[in-house]
């Protein structure tokens, strides 16, 4: 059963560099690889959702440049339906991604460009689209005002809200109360709760703290330890799904969020949506890149059957 997902967020052109380590300040080192491709948390999540089988719309702002052309080409290939405002006075967002050889771990610098100008007007012009969706997803790479307005519109229209609070920042209880599901990783959970998340017990404590602040449920993403769902029904650990050797973790969280949204949009209960999301993320880390690593529905269904 297909569901409708609307994602509000940022598209970035990802410039990815691989090397054995980060250079020190003032130092130049040789890298081992370079790639230019599509990215941005919102865009990655939209691609993940579309390829996972959801009818997926993406609300964003772009510049009038070749990176915007890259975005539209990528969305056409993945099946994402764009709802993009073009800002000719700004560049399309870009990101520098460093990937450590060996471990596949990454760190990222983002310059969001046109997306940094997103505000309530980007949402107000798409109210009907959001209200008719099954699930609305947003993050924090665009300004908080746009994300909050999106959550408000979705909540008022009866659309399920999924909030990925990344990059990490402190948020008011009023914003958290708009979240049916919040999906922080360990760092983001600590920023919001003050609880250092290092294992399942501390993840549960952070999840309960988020619910106490107003969230309907918390889905704590824990990397190799999978995810922990904390909701009114209790606590459910969803192990990470090992599909193959880990090549790169860039975009794994976005894969999970896109997959989770599709699961909810198709009517799955939260624990089953999280398991579906775990399969999406598990496949994504076996491939390089962010958006390019997102699996198809056929691949996801096969991984779930084999798990």
C-alpha atoms as a PDB file:
ATOM      1  CA  UNK A   1       0.000   0.000   0.000  1.00  0.00           C
ATOM      2  CA  UNK A   2       1.535   3.287  -1.093  1.00  0.00           C
ATOM      3  CA  UNK A   3       1.506   6.249   1.295  1.00  0.00           C
ATOM      4  CA  UNK A   4       2.201   9.945   0.771  1.00  0.00           C
ATOM      5  CA  UNK A   5       5.206  11.585   2.411  1.00  0.00           C
ATOM      6  CA  UNK A   6       6.038  15.306   2.349  1.00  0.00           C
ATOM      7  CA  UNK A   7       9.579  16.286   3.332  1.00  0.00           C
ATOM      8  CA  UNK A   8      10.624  19.863   4.122  1.00  0.00           C
ATOM      9  CA  UNK A   9      14.370  20.395   4.049  1.00  0.00           C
ATOM     10  CA  UNK A  10      17.594  21.255   2.289  1.00  0.00           C
ATOM     11  CA  UNK A  11      19.262  20.051  -0.875  1.00  0.00           C
ATOM     12  CA  UNK A  12      23.056  20.296  -0.966  1.00  0.00           C
ATOM     13  CA  UNK A  13      25.539  19.403  -3.635  1.00  0.00           C
ATOM     14  CA  UNK A  14      27.843  17.055  -1.720  1.00  0.00           C
ATOM     15  CA  UNK A  15      31.583  17.282  -2.330  1.00  0.00           C
ATOM     16  CA  UNK A  16      33.000  14.156  -0.712  1.00  0.00           C
ATOM     17  CA  UNK A  17      36.682  13.711   0.083  1.00  0.00           C
ATOM     18  CA  UNK A  18      38.255  10.502   1.356  1.00  0.00           C
ATOM     19  CA  UNK A  19      41.583  10.339   3.199  1.00  0.00           C
ATOM     20  CA  UNK A  20      43.254   8.391   5.979  1.00  0.00           C
ATOM     21  CA  UNK A  21      42.689  11.287   8.408  1.00  0.00           C
ATOM     22  CA  UNK A  22      41.634  14.926   8.630  1.00  0.00           C
ATOM     23  CA  UNK A  23      44.396  17.489   8.048  1.00  0.00           C
ATOM     24  CA  UNK A  24      45.473  19.685  10.924  1.00  0.00           C
ATOM     25  CA  UNK A  25      44.891  23.430  10.615  1.00  0.00           C
ATOM     26  CA  UNK A  26      47.341  24.845   8.054  1.00  0.00           C
ATOM     27  CA  UNK A  27      48.243  21.364   6.775  1.00  0.00           C
ATOM     28  CA  UNK A  28      47.641  19.928   3.306  1.00  0.00           C
ATOM     29  CA  UNK A  29      47.424  16.163   2.824  1.00  0.00           C
ATOM     30  CA  UNK A  30      46.716  13.855  -0.107  1.00  0.00           C
ATOM     31  CA  UNK A  31      43.268  12.334  -0.338  1.00  0.00           C
ATOM     32  CA  UNK A  32      42.406   8.948  -1.795  1.00  0.00           C
ATOM     33  CA  UNK A  33      39.155   9.814  -3.620  1.00  0.00           C
ATOM     34  CA  UNK A  34      36.716  12.589  -4.502  1.00  0.00           C
ATOM     35  CA  UNK A  35      33.070  12.580  -5.590  1.00  0.00           C
ATOM     36  CA  UNK A  36      30.451  15.201  -6.387  1.00  0.00           C
ATOM     37  CA  UNK A  37      26.843  14.219  -5.843  1.00  0.00           C
ATOM     38  CA  UNK A  38      23.453  15.152  -4.391  1.00  0.00           C
ATOM     39  CA  UNK A  39      22.851  15.431  -0.656  1.00  0.00           C
ATOM     40  CA  UNK A  40      21.321  17.435   2.180  1.00  0.00           C
ATOM     41  CA  UNK A  41      19.386  15.746   4.979  1.00  0.00           C
ATOM     42  CA  UNK A  42      15.958  16.630   3.651  1.00  0.00           C
ATOM     43  CA  UNK A  43      16.825  15.698   0.082  1.00  0.00           C
ATOM     44  CA  UNK A  44      18.415  12.427   1.200  1.00  0.00           C
ATOM     45  CA  UNK A  45      15.338  11.550   3.233  1.00  0.00           C
ATOM     46  CA  UNK A  46      13.066  12.375   0.292  1.00  0.00           C
ATOM     47  CA  UNK A  47      15.107  10.142  -2.034  1.00  0.00           C
ATOM     48  CA  UNK A  48      15.088   7.344   0.548  1.00  0.00           C
ATOM     49  CA  UNK A  49      11.310   7.614   0.912  1.00  0.00           C
ATOM     50  CA  UNK A  50      10.640   7.751  -2.832  1.00  0.00           C
ATOM     51  CA  UNK A  51      12.864   4.778  -3.621  1.00  0.00           C
ATOM     52  CA  UNK A  52      11.301   2.878  -0.716  1.00  0.00           C
ATOM     53  CA  UNK A  53       7.924   3.182  -2.402  1.00  0.00           C
ATOM     54  CA  UNK A  54       6.310   6.298  -0.973  1.00  0.00           C
ATOM     55  CA  UNK A  55       4.746   9.055  -3.065  1.00  0.00           C
ATOM     56  CA  UNK A  56       7.223  11.673  -1.938  1.00  0.00           C
ATOM     57  CA  UNK A  57       7.090  15.474  -2.284  1.00  0.00           C
ATOM     58  CA  UNK A  58      10.030  17.688  -1.313  1.00  0.00           C
ATOM     59  CA  UNK A  59       9.671  21.333  -0.230  1.00  0.00           C
ATOM     60  CA  UNK A  60      12.882  23.362  -0.464  1.00  0.00           C
ATOM     61  CA  UNK A  61      14.643  26.395  -1.966  1.00  0.00           C
ATOM     62  CA  UNK A  62      17.340  26.283  -4.639  1.00  0.00           C
ATOM     63  CA  UNK A  63      19.525  28.788  -6.435  1.00  0.00           C
ATOM     64  CA  UNK A  64      19.464  29.204 -10.204  1.00  0.00           C
ATOM     65  CA  UNK A  65      22.651  27.281 -10.977  1.00  0.00           C
ATOM     66  CA  UNK A  66      24.089  23.957 -12.098  1.00  0.00           C
ATOM     67  CA  UNK A  67      23.700  22.457  -8.619  1.00  0.00           C
ATOM     68  CA  UNK A  68      19.935  23.069  -8.919  1.00  0.00           C
ATOM     69  CA  UNK A  69      20.009  21.207 -12.236  1.00  0.00           C
ATOM     70  CA  UNK A  70      21.711  18.337 -10.423  1.00  0.00           C
ATOM     71  CA  UNK A  71      18.915  18.337  -7.854  1.00  0.00           C
ATOM     72  CA  UNK A  72      16.136  18.116 -10.414  1.00  0.00           C
ATOM     73  CA  UNK A  73      17.903  15.358 -12.336  1.00  0.00           C
ATOM     74  CA  UNK A  74      18.370  13.339  -9.157  1.00  0.00           C
ATOM     75  CA  UNK A  75      14.751  13.798  -8.092  1.00  0.00           C
ATOM     76  CA  UNK A  76      13.492  12.742 -11.515  1.00  0.00           C
ATOM     77  CA  UNK A  77      15.552   9.559 -11.343  1.00  0.00           C
ATOM     78  CA  UNK A  78      14.494   8.719  -7.774  1.00  0.00           C
ATOM     79  CA  UNK A  79      10.829   9.584  -8.232  1.00  0.00           C
ATOM     80  CA  UNK A  80      10.758  12.594  -5.874  1.00  0.00           C
ATOM     81  CA  UNK A  81       8.142  15.241  -6.755  1.00  0.00           C
ATOM     82  CA  UNK A  82       9.789  18.658  -6.167  1.00  0.00           C
ATOM     83  CA  UNK A  83       8.041  21.665  -4.639  1.00  0.00           C
ATOM     84  CA  UNK A  84      11.049  23.960  -4.938  1.00  0.00           C
ATOM     85  CA  UNK A  85      11.224  27.747  -4.841  1.00  0.00           C
ATOM     86  CA  UNK A  86      14.021  29.191  -7.006  1.00  0.00           C
ATOM     87  CA  UNK A  87      16.007  32.064  -5.478  1.00  0.00           C
ATOM     88  CA  UNK A  88      18.127  33.605  -8.226  1.00  0.00           C
ATOM     89  CA  UNK A  89      20.038  35.748  -5.716  1.00  0.00           C
ATOM     90  CA  UNK A  90      21.431  32.772  -3.795  1.00  0.00           C
ATOM     91  CA  UNK A  91      23.535  29.733  -4.603  1.00  0.00           C
ATOM     92  CA  UNK A  92      22.164  26.234  -4.168  1.00  0.00           C
ATOM     93  CA  UNK A  93      23.425  24.645  -0.975  1.00  0.00           C
ATOM     94  CA  UNK A  94      26.706  22.736  -0.879  1.00  0.00           C
ATOM     95  CA  UNK A  95      28.433  20.479   1.644  1.00  0.00           C
ATOM     96  CA  UNK A  96      31.970  19.292   2.307  1.00  0.00           C
ATOM     97  CA  UNK A  97      31.993  15.675   3.511  1.00  0.00           C
ATOM     98  CA  UNK A  98      35.144  14.056   4.859  1.00  0.00           C
ATOM     99  CA  UNK A  99      35.132  10.242   4.969  1.00  0.00           C
ATOM    100  CA  UNK A 100      37.851   8.433   6.911  1.00  0.00           C
ATOM    101  CA  UNK A 101      39.365   5.507   5.037  1.00  0.00           C
ATOM    102  CA  UNK A 102      39.112   2.259   6.927  1.00  0.00           C
ATOM    103  CA  UNK A 103      36.298   3.101   9.335  1.00  0.00           C
ATOM    104  CA  UNK A 104      33.984   4.867   6.877  1.00  0.00           C
ATOM    105  CA  UNK A 105      33.146   7.452   9.565  1.00  0.00           C
ATOM    106  CA  UNK A 106      32.420  10.979   8.389  1.00  0.00           C
ATOM    107  CA  UNK A 107      32.212  14.647   9.344  1.00  0.00           C
ATOM    108  CA  UNK A 108      30.443  17.372   7.383  1.00  0.00           C
ATOM    109  CA  UNK A 109      30.486  21.163   6.776  1.00  0.00           C
ATOM    110  CA  UNK A 110      27.296  22.628   5.253  1.00  0.00           C
ATOM    111  CA  UNK A 111      26.768  25.925   3.369  1.00  0.00           C
ATOM    112  CA  UNK A 112      22.989  25.877   2.737  1.00  0.00           C
ATOM    113  CA  UNK A 113      22.792  28.900   0.403  1.00  0.00           C
ATOM    114  CA  UNK A 114      19.222  29.524  -0.782  1.00  0.00           C
ATOM    115  CA  UNK A 115      17.846  27.047   1.740  1.00  0.00           C
ATOM    116  CA  UNK A 116      19.107  29.277   4.565  1.00  0.00           C
ATOM    117  CA  UNK A 117      16.428  31.784   3.510  1.00  0.00           C
ATOM    118  CA  UNK A 118      13.560  29.339   3.948  1.00  0.00           C
ATOM    119  CA  UNK A 119      10.807  30.656   6.206  1.00  0.00           C
ATOM    120  CA  UNK A 120       7.118  30.306   6.987  1.00  0.00           C
ATOM    121  CA  UNK A 121       6.196  31.404   3.451  1.00  0.00           C
ATOM    122  CA  UNK A 122       7.723  28.212   2.013  1.00  0.00           C
ATOM    123  CA  UNK A 123       5.267  26.251   4.131  1.00  0.00           C
ATOM    124  CA  UNK A 124       2.266  28.557   3.786  1.00  0.00           C
ATOM    125  CA  UNK A 125       2.376  28.155   0.012  1.00  0.00           C
ATOM    126  CA  UNK A 126       2.218  24.335   0.407  1.00  0.00           C
ATOM    127  CA  UNK A 127      -0.400  23.974   3.150  1.00  0.00           C
ATOM    128  CA  UNK A 128      -2.764  21.790   1.120  1.00  0.00           C
ATOM    129  CA  UNK A 129       0.076  19.475   0.091  1.00  0.00           C
ATOM    130  CA  UNK A 130       1.122  18.959   3.714  1.00  0.00           C
ATOM    131  CA  UNK A 131      -2.424  18.514   5.015  1.00  0.00           C
ATOM    132  CA  UNK A 132      -3.198  15.802   2.452  1.00  0.00           C
ATOM    133  CA  UNK A 133      -0.037  13.815   3.213  1.00  0.00           C
ATOM    134  CA  UNK A 134       0.072  10.754   5.445  1.00  0.00           C
ATOM    135  CA  UNK A 135       3.425  11.761   6.972  1.00  0.00           C
ATOM    136  CA  UNK A 136       5.341  15.053   7.194  1.00  0.00           C
ATOM    137  CA  UNK A 137       9.103  14.993   7.839  1.00  0.00           C
ATOM    138  CA  UNK A 138      11.484  17.836   8.601  1.00  0.00           C
ATOM    139  CA  UNK A 139      14.887  18.533  10.150  1.00  0.00           C
ATOM    140  CA  UNK A 140      16.985  21.558  11.195  1.00  0.00           C
ATOM    141  CA  UNK A 141      19.301  22.310   8.273  1.00  0.00           C
ATOM    142  CA  UNK A 142      16.816  24.984   7.184  1.00  0.00           C
ATOM    143  CA  UNK A 143      15.798  27.716   9.695  1.00  0.00           C
ATOM    144  CA  UNK A 144      13.776  26.563  12.677  1.00  0.00           C
ATOM    145  CA  UNK A 145      10.877  28.902  11.810  1.00  0.00           C
ATOM    146  CA  UNK A 146      10.194  26.968   8.597  1.00  0.00           C
ATOM    147  CA  UNK A 147      10.420  23.594  10.339  1.00  0.00           C
ATOM    148  CA  UNK A 148       8.123  24.713  13.153  1.00  0.00           C
ATOM    149  CA  UNK A 149       5.546  26.084  10.731  1.00  0.00           C
ATOM    150  CA  UNK A 150       5.616  22.818   8.793  1.00  0.00           C
ATOM    151  CA  UNK A 151       5.020  20.831  11.976  1.00  0.00           C
ATOM    152  CA  UNK A 152       2.161  23.167  12.943  1.00  0.00           C
ATOM    153  CA  UNK A 153       0.430  22.797   9.574  1.00  0.00           C
ATOM    154  CA  UNK A 154       0.859  19.023   9.580  1.00  0.00           C
ATOM    155  CA  UNK A 155      -0.436  18.665  13.126  1.00  0.00           C
ATOM    156  CA  UNK A 156      -3.468  20.877  12.387  1.00  0.00           C
ATOM    157  CA  UNK A 157      -4.253  18.791   9.290  1.00  0.00           C
ATOM    158  CA  UNK A 158      -3.977  15.429  11.035  1.00  0.00           C
ATOM    159  CA  UNK A 159      -0.773  14.454   9.235  1.00  0.00           C
ATOM    160  CA  UNK A 160       1.706  12.322  11.209  1.00  0.00           C
ATOM    161  CA  UNK A 161       4.785  14.402  12.092  1.00  0.00           C
ATOM    162  CA  UNK A 162       8.321  13.003  12.109  1.00  0.00           C
ATOM    163  CA  UNK A 163      10.989  15.423  13.332  1.00  0.00           C
ATOM    164  CA  UNK A 164      14.666  14.627  12.854  1.00  0.00           C
ATOM    165  CA  UNK A 165      16.360  17.229  15.140  1.00  0.00           C
ATOM    166  CA  UNK A 166      19.577  17.488  13.156  1.00  0.00           C
ATOM    167  CA  UNK A 167      21.951  19.260  13.266  1.00  0.00           C
ATOM    168  CA  UNK A 168      21.701  19.255  17.048  1.00  0.00           C
ATOM    169  CA  UNK A 169      20.300  22.327  18.779  1.00  0.00           C
ATOM    170  CA  UNK A 170      18.258  23.067  21.863  1.00  0.00           C
ATOM    171  CA  UNK A 171      14.518  23.277  21.227  1.00  0.00           C
ATOM    172  CA  UNK A 172      11.541  24.554  23.187  1.00  0.00           C
ATOM    173  CA  UNK A 173       8.887  22.289  24.639  1.00  0.00           C
ATOM    174  CA  UNK A 174       6.402  24.010  22.314  1.00  0.00           C
ATOM    175  CA  UNK A 175       8.276  22.669  19.269  1.00  0.00           C
ATOM    176  CA  UNK A 176       8.684  19.202  20.750  1.00  0.00           C
ATOM    177  CA  UNK A 177       4.935  19.045  21.460  1.00  0.00           C
ATOM    178  CA  UNK A 178       4.342  19.184  17.680  1.00  0.00           C
ATOM    179  CA  UNK A 179       6.248  15.918  17.147  1.00  0.00           C
ATOM    180  CA  UNK A 180       4.399  12.627  16.883  1.00  0.00           C
ATOM    181  CA  UNK A 181       7.836  11.036  16.468  1.00  0.00           C
ATOM    182  CA  UNK A 182      11.242  12.552  17.151  1.00  0.00           C
ATOM    183  CA  UNK A 183      14.276  10.727  15.732  1.00  0.00           C
ATOM    184  CA  UNK A 184      17.521  11.947  17.316  1.00  0.00           C
ATOM    185  CA  UNK A 185      20.874  10.213  17.283  1.00  0.00           C
ATOM    186  CA  UNK A 186      22.983  10.030  20.438  1.00  0.00           C
ATOM    187  CA  UNK A 187      24.450  13.545  20.094  1.00  0.00           C
ATOM    188  CA  UNK A 188      21.116  15.156  19.309  1.00  0.00           C
ATOM    189  CA  UNK A 189      19.418  13.349  22.181  1.00  0.00           C
ATOM    190  CA  UNK A 190      22.054  14.604  24.617  1.00  0.00           C
ATOM    191  CA  UNK A 191      21.641  18.177  23.354  1.00  0.00           C
ATOM    192  CA  UNK A 192      17.887  18.014  23.949  1.00  0.00           C
ATOM    193  CA  UNK A 193      17.888  16.158  27.274  1.00  0.00           C
ATOM    194  CA  UNK A 194      21.301  16.575  28.876  1.00  0.00           C
ATOM    195  CA  UNK A 195      21.566  12.777  29.083  1.00  0.00           C
ATOM    196  CA  UNK A 196      24.737  11.310  27.576  1.00  0.00           C
ATOM    197  CA  UNK A 197      23.546   8.395  25.453  1.00  0.00           C
ATOM    198  CA  UNK A 198      26.050   5.527  25.527  1.00  0.00           C
ATOM    199  CA  UNK A 199      23.912   2.372  25.685  1.00  0.00           C
ATOM    200  CA  UNK A 200      20.319   1.178  25.538  1.00  0.00           C
ATOM    201  CA  UNK A 201      19.590   2.182  29.121  1.00  0.00           C
ATOM    202  CA  UNK A 202      20.677   5.783  28.637  1.00  0.00           C
ATOM    203  CA  UNK A 203      18.910   5.873  25.262  1.00  0.00           C
ATOM    204  CA  UNK A 204      15.698   4.827  27.012  1.00  0.00           C
ATOM    205  CA  UNK A 205      16.205   7.518  29.643  1.00  0.00           C
ATOM    206  CA  UNK A 206      16.684  10.163  26.953  1.00  0.00           C
ATOM    207  CA  UNK A 207      13.630   8.901  25.079  1.00  0.00           C
ATOM    208  CA  UNK A 208      11.490   9.120  28.197  1.00  0.00           C
ATOM    209  CA  UNK A 209      12.800  12.630  28.847  1.00  0.00           C
ATOM    210  CA  UNK A 210      11.753  13.690  25.337  1.00  0.00           C
ATOM    211  CA  UNK A 211       8.266  12.279  25.875  1.00  0.00           C
ATOM    212  CA  UNK A 212       8.083  14.144  29.198  1.00  0.00           C
ATOM    213  CA  UNK A 213       8.840  17.345  27.248  1.00  0.00           C
ATOM    214  CA  UNK A 214       5.914  16.748  24.905  1.00  0.00           C
ATOM    215  CA  UNK A 215       6.942  14.384  22.088  1.00  0.00           C
ATOM    216  CA  UNK A 216       4.490  11.626  21.258  1.00  0.00           C
ATOM    217  CA  UNK A 217       7.270   9.052  20.852  1.00  0.00           C
ATOM    218  CA  UNK A 218      11.039   8.941  20.469  1.00  0.00           C
ATOM    219  CA  UNK A 219      12.973   6.775  18.029  1.00  0.00           C
ATOM    220  CA  UNK A 220      16.600   6.919  19.136  1.00  0.00           C
ATOM    221  CA  UNK A 221      18.951   6.030  16.278  1.00  0.00           C
ATOM    222  CA  UNK A 222      22.082   4.364  17.667  1.00  0.00           C
ATOM    223  CA  UNK A 223      24.284   3.526  14.685  1.00  0.00           C
ATOM    224  CA  UNK A 224      25.522  -0.031  14.889  1.00  0.00           C
ATOM    225  CA  UNK A 225      23.256  -0.666  17.887  1.00  0.00           C
ATOM    226  CA  UNK A 226      20.152  -0.081  15.770  1.00  0.00           C
ATOM    227  CA  UNK A 227      17.279   2.008  17.104  1.00  0.00           C
ATOM    228  CA  UNK A 228      15.282   2.229  20.304  1.00  0.00           C
ATOM    229  CA  UNK A 229      11.582   3.096  20.144  1.00  0.00           C
ATOM    230  CA  UNK A 230      10.193   4.650  23.327  1.00  0.00           C
ATOM    231  CA  UNK A 231       6.456   5.308  23.281  1.00  0.00           C
ATOM    232  CA  UNK A 232       3.258   4.888  25.272  1.00  0.00           C
ATOM    233  CA  UNK A 233       3.389   1.118  24.718  1.00  0.00           C
ATOM    234  CA  UNK A 234       6.857   0.736  26.252  1.00  0.00           C
ATOM    235  CA  UNK A 235      10.349   0.279  24.862  1.00  0.00           C
ATOM    236  CA  UNK A 236      11.304  -1.676  21.735  1.00  0.00           C
ATOM    237  CA  UNK A 237      14.865  -2.313  20.585  1.00  0.00           C
ATOM    238  CA  UNK A 238      15.191  -2.680  16.820  1.00  0.00           C
ATOM    239  CA  UNK A 239      18.638  -4.153  16.036  1.00  0.00           C
ATOM    240  CA  UNK A 240      20.670  -2.794  13.140  1.00  0.00           C
ATOM    241  CA  UNK A 241      20.167  -4.931  10.045  1.00  0.00           C
ATOM    242  CA  UNK A 242      23.467  -6.273   8.727  1.00  0.00           C
ATOM    243  CA  UNK A 243      23.113  -6.638   4.975  1.00  0.00           C
ATOM    244  CA  UNK A 244      26.802  -6.571   3.998  1.00  0.00           C
ATOM    245  CA  UNK A 245      30.144  -4.953   4.775  1.00  0.00           C
ATOM    246  CA  UNK A 246      29.960  -1.316   5.882  1.00  0.00           C
ATOM    247  CA  UNK A 247      31.439   0.945   3.204  1.00  0.00           C
ATOM    248  CA  UNK A 248      30.275   4.375   4.392  1.00  0.00           C
ATOM    249  CA  UNK A 249      27.861   5.624   7.055  1.00  0.00           C
ATOM    250  CA  UNK A 250      27.082   8.941   5.333  1.00  0.00           C
ATOM    251  CA  UNK A 251      23.313   9.201   4.938  1.00  0.00           C
ATOM    252  CA  UNK A 252      22.457   6.222   7.151  1.00  0.00           C
ATOM    253  CA  UNK A 253      20.335   8.339   9.472  1.00  0.00           C
ATOM    254  CA  UNK A 254      18.587   9.893   6.497  1.00  0.00           C
ATOM    255  CA  UNK A 255      17.923   6.436   5.065  1.00  0.00           C
ATOM    256  CA  UNK A 256      16.363   5.424   8.378  1.00  0.00           C
ATOM    257  CA  UNK A 257      14.157   8.521   8.550  1.00  0.00           C
ATOM    258  CA  UNK A 258      12.961   8.161   4.959  1.00  0.00           C
ATOM    259  CA  UNK A 259      12.202   4.495   5.486  1.00  0.00           C
ATOM    260  CA  UNK A 260      10.470   5.147   8.810  1.00  0.00           C
ATOM    261  CA  UNK A 261       8.223   7.756   7.159  1.00  0.00           C
ATOM    262  CA  UNK A 262       7.225   5.330   4.407  1.00  0.00           C
ATOM    263  CA  UNK A 263       6.470   2.601   6.927  1.00  0.00           C
ATOM    264  CA  UNK A 264       4.198   4.921   8.890  1.00  0.00           C
ATOM    265  CA  UNK A 265       2.592   6.249   5.691  1.00  0.00           C
ATOM    266  CA  UNK A 266       1.738   2.683   4.683  1.00  0.00           C
ATOM    267  CA  UNK A 267       0.014   2.080   8.004  1.00  0.00           C
ATOM    268  CA  UNK A 268       2.678   0.088   9.858  1.00  0.00           C
ATOM    269  CA  UNK A 269       2.806   0.395  13.625  1.00  0.00           C
ATOM    270  CA  UNK A 270       5.882   2.224  14.876  1.00  0.00           C
ATOM    271  CA  UNK A 271       7.963  -0.842  15.761  1.00  0.00           C
ATOM    272  CA  UNK A 272       7.389  -2.360  12.312  1.00  0.00           C
ATOM    273  CA  UNK A 273       8.069   0.962  10.605  1.00  0.00           C
ATOM    274  CA  UNK A 274      11.354   1.111  12.534  1.00  0.00           C
ATOM    275  CA  UNK A 275      12.259  -2.402  11.369  1.00  0.00           C
ATOM    276  CA  UNK A 276      11.487  -1.384   7.778  1.00  0.00           C
ATOM    277  CA  UNK A 277      13.680   1.704   8.309  1.00  0.00           C
ATOM    278  CA  UNK A 278      16.465  -0.475   9.700  1.00  0.00           C
ATOM    279  CA  UNK A 279      16.523  -2.426   6.434  1.00  0.00           C
ATOM    280  CA  UNK A 280      16.747   0.806   4.418  1.00  0.00           C
ATOM    281  CA  UNK A 281      19.655   2.040   6.551  1.00  0.00           C
ATOM    282  CA  UNK A 282      21.343  -1.363   6.599  1.00  0.00           C
ATOM    283  CA  UNK A 283      21.499  -1.470   2.818  1.00  0.00           C
ATOM    284  CA  UNK A 284      22.564   2.171   2.491  1.00  0.00           C
ATOM    285  CA  UNK A 285      25.758   1.739   4.522  1.00  0.00           C
ATOM    286  CA  UNK A 286      27.016  -0.965   2.161  1.00  0.00           C
ATOM    287  CA  UNK A 287      27.412   1.665  -0.577  1.00  0.00           C
ATOM    288  CA  UNK A 288      29.300   4.951  -0.943  1.00  0.00           C
ATOM    289  CA  UNK A 289      27.546   8.305  -0.945  1.00  0.00           C
ATOM    290  CA  UNK A 290      24.347   9.602   0.633  1.00  0.00           C
ATOM    291  CA  UNK A 291      21.420   9.887  -1.790  1.00  0.00           C
ATOM    292  CA  UNK A 292      23.050   7.457  -4.277  1.00  0.00           C
ATOM    293  CA  UNK A 293      23.180   4.766  -1.563  1.00  0.00           C
ATOM    294  CA  UNK A 294      19.419   4.639  -0.957  1.00  0.00           C
ATOM    295  CA  UNK A 295      17.923   1.246  -1.832  1.00  0.00           C
ATOM    296  CA  UNK A 296      14.905   0.374  -3.948  1.00  0.00           C
ATOM    297  CA  UNK A 297      11.748  -1.184  -2.535  1.00  0.00           C
ATOM    298  CA  UNK A 298      12.669  -4.496  -4.133  1.00  0.00           C
ATOM    299  CA  UNK A 299      15.997  -4.494  -2.275  1.00  0.00           C
ATOM    300  CA  UNK A 300      14.326  -3.535   0.999  1.00  0.00           C
ATOM    301  CA  UNK A 301      11.706  -6.275   0.761  1.00  0.00           C
ATOM    302  CA  UNK A 302      14.422  -8.829  -0.024  1.00  0.00           C
ATOM    303  CA  UNK A 303      16.476  -7.752   3.010  1.00  0.00           C
ATOM    304  CA  UNK A 304      13.433  -8.042   5.270  1.00  0.00           C
ATOM    305  CA  UNK A 305      12.654 -11.525   3.969  1.00  0.00           C
ATOM    306  CA  UNK A 306      16.245 -12.650   4.543  1.00  0.00           C
ATOM    307  CA  UNK A 307      16.591 -11.088   8.019  1.00  0.00           C
END
